[in-house]
Amino acid sequence: MIEKIETEHLILRKAGESDLYNIWNNVWRDEQIASTMLWQPTYTIDEAEKRLRRTICFQQTFDAFFVCLKENDEAVGFCGVKEEAHGVFEECGICVAQKCQNKGYGKEITTALVKLAFEQLGGTKFVYGCFHENAHSAAVCKALGFKYSHSRDEVRKWDGYKYTADYYELSKAEWRGQGKL
């Protein structure tokens, strides 16, 4: 299990108890961010404490991280990867606080996860899924050389919201062809 990844502006690391207020204020209680994610907003600090405990447990067995600003270690998002089939890795949520959007952090995070999958975990393909209406995520995929694969109609479990998920793929050979490996 990888504990920490550093990028130019960010540190992807395991969550800790001291992250509670930052992750809750920056991400978990933001309804606009949650609108294009699978998770339900967290409205109270008590709910946030429980969610943080679950997150810490989850991160012990998965390559999942809090996204923190390198300058001050403030938790401003989360991300992770999981192996769906032999050599096929999929992001398991990439989320950045609104105040940190449009700064290139999505590309930094996705690049770090792709490198993790291809260079350290033996991956041969990386899959990125996002809500159809999430133009920022689609733009990140395209900028990094991902190719559109397919769309699938789905239902968000917690509120029954019907949405279309778009999936993008990048092979290790394509990544290598971009001079990334």
C-alpha atoms as a PDB file:
ATOM      1  CA  MET A   1       0.000   0.000   0.000  1.00  0.00           C
ATOM      2  CA  ILE A   2       1.344   3.392  -1.013  1.00  0.00           C
ATOM      3  CA  GLU A   3       1.296   5.932   1.837  1.00  0.00           C
ATOM      4  CA  LYS A   4       2.137   9.200   0.072  1.00  0.00           C
ATOM      5  CA  ILE A   5       2.639  10.681  -3.399  1.00  0.00           C
ATOM      6  CA  GLU A   6       4.010  14.164  -4.034  1.00  0.00           C
ATOM      7  CA  THR A   7       3.283  16.276  -7.105  1.00  0.00           C
ATOM      8  CA  GLU A   8       4.356  19.812  -7.941  1.00  0.00           C
ATOM      9  CA  HIS A   9       1.681  21.484  -5.782  1.00  0.00           C
ATOM     10  CA  LEU A  10       0.037  18.622  -3.889  1.00  0.00           C
ATOM     11  CA  ILE A  11       0.600  15.782  -1.484  1.00  0.00           C
ATOM     12  CA  LEU A  12      -1.636  12.723  -1.813  1.00  0.00           C
ATOM     13  CA  ARG A  13      -1.541  11.037   1.587  1.00  0.00           C
ATOM     14  CA  LYS A  14      -3.552   8.946   3.982  1.00  0.00           C
ATOM     15  CA  ALA A  15      -6.187  10.767   6.033  1.00  0.00           C
ATOM     16  CA  GLY A  16      -5.625  11.649   9.670  1.00  0.00           C
ATOM     17  CA  GLU A  17      -7.806  12.861  12.536  1.00  0.00           C
ATOM     18  CA  SER A  18      -6.417  16.396  12.154  1.00  0.00           C
ATOM     19  CA  ASP A  19      -7.957  16.629   8.652  1.00  0.00           C
ATOM     20  CA  LEU A  20     -11.524  16.676   9.962  1.00  0.00           C
ATOM     21  CA  TYR A  21     -12.406  20.360   9.679  1.00  0.00           C
ATOM     22  CA  ASN A  22     -10.568  20.970   6.408  1.00  0.00           C
ATOM     23  CA  ILE A  23     -12.048  18.031   4.506  1.00  0.00           C
ATOM     24  CA  TRP A  24     -15.513  18.716   5.906  1.00  0.00           C
ATOM     25  CA  ASN A  25     -15.461  22.446   5.123  1.00  0.00           C
ATOM     26  CA  ASN A  26     -13.657  22.160   1.788  1.00  0.00           C
ATOM     27  CA  VAL A  27     -15.366  19.116   0.295  1.00  0.00           C
ATOM     28  CA  TRP A  28     -17.782  16.901   2.205  1.00  0.00           C
ATOM     29  CA  ARG A  29     -20.474  19.467   2.948  1.00  0.00           C
ATOM     30  CA  ASP A  30     -20.326  21.133  -0.478  1.00  0.00           C
ATOM     31  CA  GLU A  31     -23.584  20.254  -2.257  1.00  0.00           C
ATOM     32  CA  GLN A  32     -22.338  21.544  -5.611  1.00  0.00           C
ATOM     33  CA  ILE A  33     -19.343  19.214  -5.580  1.00  0.00           C
ATOM     34  CA  ALA A  34     -21.509  16.302  -4.408  1.00  0.00           C
ATOM     35  CA  SER A  35     -23.917  16.860  -7.307  1.00  0.00           C
ATOM     36  CA  THR A  36     -21.476  15.170  -9.714  1.00  0.00           C
ATOM     37  CA  MET A  37     -20.142  12.587  -7.276  1.00  0.00           C
ATOM     38  CA  LEU A  38     -21.559   9.360  -5.841  1.00  0.00           C
ATOM     39  CA  TRP A  39     -21.424  10.412  -2.191  1.00  0.00           C
ATOM     40  CA  GLN A  40     -23.965  12.227  -0.069  1.00  0.00           C
ATOM     41  CA  PRO A  41     -23.035  15.611   1.451  1.00  0.00           C
ATOM     42  CA  THR A  42     -22.101  15.517   5.129  1.00  0.00           C
ATOM     43  CA  TYR A  43     -23.945  18.260   7.004  1.00  0.00           C
ATOM     44  CA  THR A  44     -22.885  17.947  10.641  1.00  0.00           C
ATOM     45  CA  ILE A  45     -19.542  17.665  12.361  1.00  0.00           C
ATOM     46  CA  ASP A  46     -20.739  14.447  14.052  1.00  0.00           C
ATOM     47  CA  GLU A  47     -21.447  12.901  10.637  1.00  0.00           C
ATOM     48  CA  ALA A  48     -18.063  14.159   9.429  1.00  0.00           C
ATOM     49  CA  GLU A  49     -16.266  12.496  12.366  1.00  0.00           C
ATOM     50  CA  LYS A  50     -17.918   9.166  11.551  1.00  0.00           C
ATOM     51  CA  ARG A  51     -17.139   9.568   7.865  1.00  0.00           C
ATOM     52  CA  LEU A  52     -13.502  10.363   8.625  1.00  0.00           C
ATOM     53  CA  ARG A  53     -13.193   7.195  10.731  1.00  0.00           C
ATOM     54  CA  ARG A  54     -14.657   5.147   7.846  1.00  0.00           C
ATOM     55  CA  THR A  55     -12.309   6.882   5.405  1.00  0.00           C
ATOM     56  CA  ILE A  56      -9.242   6.139   7.525  1.00  0.00           C
ATOM     57  CA  CYS A  57     -10.242   2.444   7.686  1.00  0.00           C
ATOM     58  CA  PHE A  58     -10.909   2.340   3.926  1.00  0.00           C
ATOM     59  CA  GLN A  59      -7.546   3.922   3.135  1.00  0.00           C
ATOM     60  CA  GLN A  60      -5.732   1.239   5.144  1.00  0.00           C
ATOM     61  CA  THR A  61      -6.589  -1.369   2.508  1.00  0.00           C
ATOM     62  CA  PHE A  62      -6.831   0.690  -0.695  1.00  0.00           C
ATOM     63  CA  ASP A  63      -4.622   3.086  -2.627  1.00  0.00           C
ATOM     64  CA  ALA A  64      -6.839   6.001  -1.662  1.00  0.00           C
ATOM     65  CA  PHE A  65      -5.664   9.368  -0.396  1.00  0.00           C
ATOM     66  CA  PHE A  66      -6.599  12.820   0.787  1.00  0.00           C
ATOM     67  CA  VAL A  67      -5.418  15.548  -1.578  1.00  0.00           C
ATOM     68  CA  CYS A  68      -3.503  18.182   0.398  1.00  0.00           C
ATOM     69  CA  LEU A  69      -1.899  21.445  -0.602  1.00  0.00           C
ATOM     70  CA  LYS A  70       1.864  21.090  -0.443  1.00  0.00           C
ATOM     71  CA  GLU A  71       2.264  24.620   0.963  1.00  0.00           C
ATOM     72  CA  ASN A  72       0.278  23.994   4.172  1.00  0.00           C
ATOM     73  CA  ASP A  73      -0.952  20.341   4.194  1.00  0.00           C
ATOM     74  CA  GLU A  74      -4.600  21.487   4.056  1.00  0.00           C
ATOM     75  CA  ALA A  75      -6.919  18.653   2.955  1.00  0.00           C
ATOM     76  CA  VAL A  76      -8.730  19.943  -0.144  1.00  0.00           C
ATOM     77  CA  GLY A  77      -9.915  16.723  -1.770  1.00  0.00           C
ATOM     78  CA  PHE A  78      -9.531  13.001  -2.149  1.00  0.00           C
ATOM     79  CA  CYS A  79      -8.609  10.448  -4.793  1.00  0.00           C
ATOM     80  CA  GLY A  80      -7.717   6.818  -5.301  1.00  0.00           C
ATOM     81  CA  VAL A  81      -7.336   3.857  -7.619  1.00  0.00           C
ATOM     82  CA  LYS A  82      -8.557   0.286  -7.467  1.00  0.00           C
ATOM     83  CA  GLU A  83      -7.775  -2.749  -9.594  1.00  0.00           C
ATOM     84  CA  GLU A  84     -10.992  -3.813 -11.348  1.00  0.00           C
ATOM     85  CA  ALA A  85      -9.468  -6.684 -13.333  1.00  0.00           C
ATOM     86  CA  HIS A  86      -5.928  -7.976 -13.723  1.00  0.00           C
ATOM     87  CA  GLY A  87      -3.862  -4.956 -14.792  1.00  0.00           C
ATOM     88  CA  VAL A  88      -6.926  -2.716 -15.222  1.00  0.00           C
ATOM     89  CA  PHE A  89      -7.064   0.145 -12.738  1.00  0.00           C
ATOM     90  CA  GLU A  90      -9.927   2.589 -12.292  1.00  0.00           C
ATOM     91  CA  GLU A  91     -10.026   5.810 -10.345  1.00  0.00           C
ATOM     92  CA  CYS A  92     -12.262   5.393  -7.318  1.00  0.00           C
ATOM     93  CA  GLY A  93     -13.171   9.037  -6.963  1.00  0.00           C
ATOM     94  CA  ILE A  94     -11.229  12.199  -7.693  1.00  0.00           C
ATOM     95  CA  CYS A  95     -12.549  15.289  -5.970  1.00  0.00           C
ATOM     96  CA  VAL A  96     -11.104  18.761  -5.392  1.00  0.00           C
ATOM     97  CA  ALA A  97     -12.559  21.663  -3.381  1.00  0.00           C
ATOM     98  CA  GLN A  98     -14.125  24.429  -5.444  1.00  0.00           C
ATOM     99  CA  LYS A  99     -11.526  26.931  -4.244  1.00  0.00           C
ATOM    100  CA  CYS A 100      -8.833  24.702  -5.781  1.00  0.00           C
ATOM    101  CA  GLN A 101     -10.463  24.056  -9.138  1.00  0.00           C
ATOM    102  CA  ASN A 102      -9.144  25.456 -12.424  1.00  0.00           C
ATOM    103  CA  LYS A 103      -5.569  25.452 -11.116  1.00  0.00           C
ATOM    104  CA  GLY A 104      -4.362  22.284 -12.852  1.00  0.00           C
ATOM    105  CA  TYR A 105      -4.732  20.135  -9.744  1.00  0.00           C
ATOM    106  CA  GLY A 106      -7.045  17.665 -11.484  1.00  0.00           C
ATOM    107  CA  LYS A 107      -4.304  16.947 -14.025  1.00  0.00           C
ATOM    108  CA  GLU A 108      -1.701  16.623 -11.266  1.00  0.00           C
ATOM    109  CA  ILE A 109      -3.862  14.169  -9.339  1.00  0.00           C
ATOM    110  CA  THR A 110      -4.820  12.096 -12.371  1.00  0.00           C
ATOM    111  CA  THR A 111      -1.215  12.008 -13.602  1.00  0.00           C
ATOM    112  CA  ALA A 112      -0.068  10.828 -10.170  1.00  0.00           C
ATOM    113  CA  LEU A 113      -2.698   8.058 -10.105  1.00  0.00           C
ATOM    114  CA  VAL A 114      -1.870   6.929 -13.648  1.00  0.00           C
ATOM    115  CA  LYS A 115       1.838   6.800 -12.769  1.00  0.00           C
ATOM    116  CA  LEU A 116       1.004   4.830  -9.630  1.00  0.00           C
ATOM    117  CA  ALA A 117      -1.053   2.319 -11.608  1.00  0.00           C
ATOM    118  CA  PHE A 118       1.425   1.899 -14.475  1.00  0.00           C
ATOM    119  CA  GLU A 119       4.796   2.294 -12.752  1.00  0.00           C
ATOM    120  CA  GLN A 120       4.232   0.780  -9.309  1.00  0.00           C
ATOM    121  CA  LEU A 121       1.167  -1.459  -9.462  1.00  0.00           C
ATOM    122  CA  GLY A 122       1.774  -3.175 -12.814  1.00  0.00           C
ATOM    123  CA  GLY A 123      -1.247  -1.764 -14.586  1.00  0.00           C
ATOM    124  CA  THR A 124      -1.751  -1.953 -18.339  1.00  0.00           C
ATOM    125  CA  LYS A 125      -4.945   0.111 -18.606  1.00  0.00           C
ATOM    126  CA  PHE A 126      -6.420   3.005 -16.618  1.00  0.00           C
ATOM    127  CA  VAL A 127     -10.153   3.770 -16.625  1.00  0.00           C
ATOM    128  CA  TYR A 128     -11.605   7.143 -15.611  1.00  0.00           C
ATOM    129  CA  GLY A 129     -15.342   7.535 -15.086  1.00  0.00           C
ATOM    130  CA  CYS A 130     -17.291  10.740 -14.553  1.00  0.00           C
ATOM    131  CA  PHE A 131     -20.789  12.142 -14.726  1.00  0.00           C
ATOM    132  CA  HIS A 132     -21.609  13.191 -18.292  1.00  0.00           C
ATOM    133  CA  GLU A 133     -22.227  16.768 -17.138  1.00  0.00           C
ATOM    134  CA  ASN A 134     -18.827  16.988 -15.403  1.00  0.00           C
ATOM    135  CA  ALA A 135     -17.021  18.916 -18.141  1.00  0.00           C
ATOM    136  CA  HIS A 136     -13.959  19.555 -15.942  1.00  0.00           C
ATOM    137  CA  SER A 137     -13.270  15.832 -15.509  1.00  0.00           C
ATOM    138  CA  ALA A 138     -13.803  15.114 -19.201  1.00  0.00           C
ATOM    139  CA  ALA A 139     -11.369  17.909 -20.080  1.00  0.00           C
ATOM    140  CA  VAL A 140      -8.727  16.465 -17.738  1.00  0.00           C
ATOM    141  CA  CYS A 141      -9.075  13.058 -19.403  1.00  0.00           C
ATOM    142  CA  LYS A 142      -8.751  14.446 -22.901  1.00  0.00           C
ATOM    143  CA  ALA A 143      -5.781  16.647 -21.965  1.00  0.00           C
ATOM    144  CA  LEU A 144      -3.931  13.597 -20.626  1.00  0.00           C
ATOM    145  CA  GLY A 145      -4.570  11.488 -23.728  1.00  0.00           C
ATOM    146  CA  PHE A 146      -7.461   9.354 -22.493  1.00  0.00           C
ATOM    147  CA  LYS A 147      -9.869   8.160 -25.177  1.00  0.00           C
ATOM    148  CA  TYR A 148     -13.634   8.045 -24.746  1.00  0.00           C
ATOM    149  CA  SER A 149     -14.710   4.416 -24.304  1.00  0.00           C
ATOM    150  CA  HIS A 150     -18.429   4.283 -23.546  1.00  0.00           C
ATOM    151  CA  SER A 151     -21.305   5.691 -21.529  1.00  0.00           C
ATOM    152  CA  ARG A 152     -23.648   3.930 -19.161  1.00  0.00           C
ATOM    153  CA  ASP A 153     -26.888   5.027 -17.525  1.00  0.00           C
ATOM    154  CA  GLU A 154     -26.709   4.592 -13.769  1.00  0.00           C
ATOM    155  CA  VAL A 155     -28.591   5.471 -10.592  1.00  0.00           C
ATOM    156  CA  ARG A 156     -26.899   7.099  -7.596  1.00  0.00           C
ATOM    157  CA  LYS A 157     -27.733   4.906  -4.607  1.00  0.00           C
ATOM    158  CA  TRP A 158     -28.266   7.487  -1.872  1.00  0.00           C
ATOM    159  CA  ASP A 159     -30.840   9.662  -3.665  1.00  0.00           C
ATOM    160  CA  GLY A 160     -32.005   7.713  -6.730  1.00  0.00           C
ATOM    161  CA  TYR A 161     -30.585  10.341  -9.113  1.00  0.00           C
ATOM    162  CA  LYS A 162     -30.409   8.987 -12.675  1.00  0.00           C
ATOM    163  CA  TYR A 163     -27.272  10.006 -14.532  1.00  0.00           C
ATOM    164  CA  THR A 164     -25.074   9.036 -17.434  1.00  0.00           C
ATOM    165  CA  ALA A 165     -21.508   8.039 -16.617  1.00  0.00           C
ATOM    166  CA  ASP A 166     -18.897   8.558 -19.328  1.00  0.00           C
ATOM    167  CA  TYR A 167     -15.826   6.324 -19.288  1.00  0.00           C
ATOM    168  CA  TYR A 168     -12.412   7.143 -20.692  1.00  0.00           C
ATOM    169  CA  GLU A 169      -9.455   4.783 -21.051  1.00  0.00           C
ATOM    170  CA  LEU A 170      -5.700   5.092 -21.367  1.00  0.00           C
ATOM    171  CA  SER A 171      -3.360   2.181 -22.022  1.00  0.00           C
ATOM    172  CA  LYS A 172       0.156   1.932 -20.698  1.00  0.00           C
ATOM    173  CA  ALA A 173       1.395   1.865 -24.308  1.00  0.00           C
ATOM    174  CA  GLU A 174      -0.450   5.128 -25.061  1.00  0.00           C
ATOM    175  CA  TRP A 175       0.981   6.707 -21.906  1.00  0.00           C
ATOM    176  CA  ARG A 176       4.465   5.525 -22.894  1.00  0.00           C
ATOM    177  CA  GLY A 177       3.875   6.915 -26.407  1.00  0.00           C
ATOM    178  CA  GLN A 178       3.337  10.356 -24.875  1.00  0.00           C
ATOM    179  CA  GLY A 179       6.804  10.104 -23.339  1.00  0.00           C
ATOM    180  CA  LYS A 180       5.396   9.729 -19.831  1.00  0.00           C
ATOM    181  CA  LEU A 181       7.192   6.480 -18.920  1.00  0.00           C
END
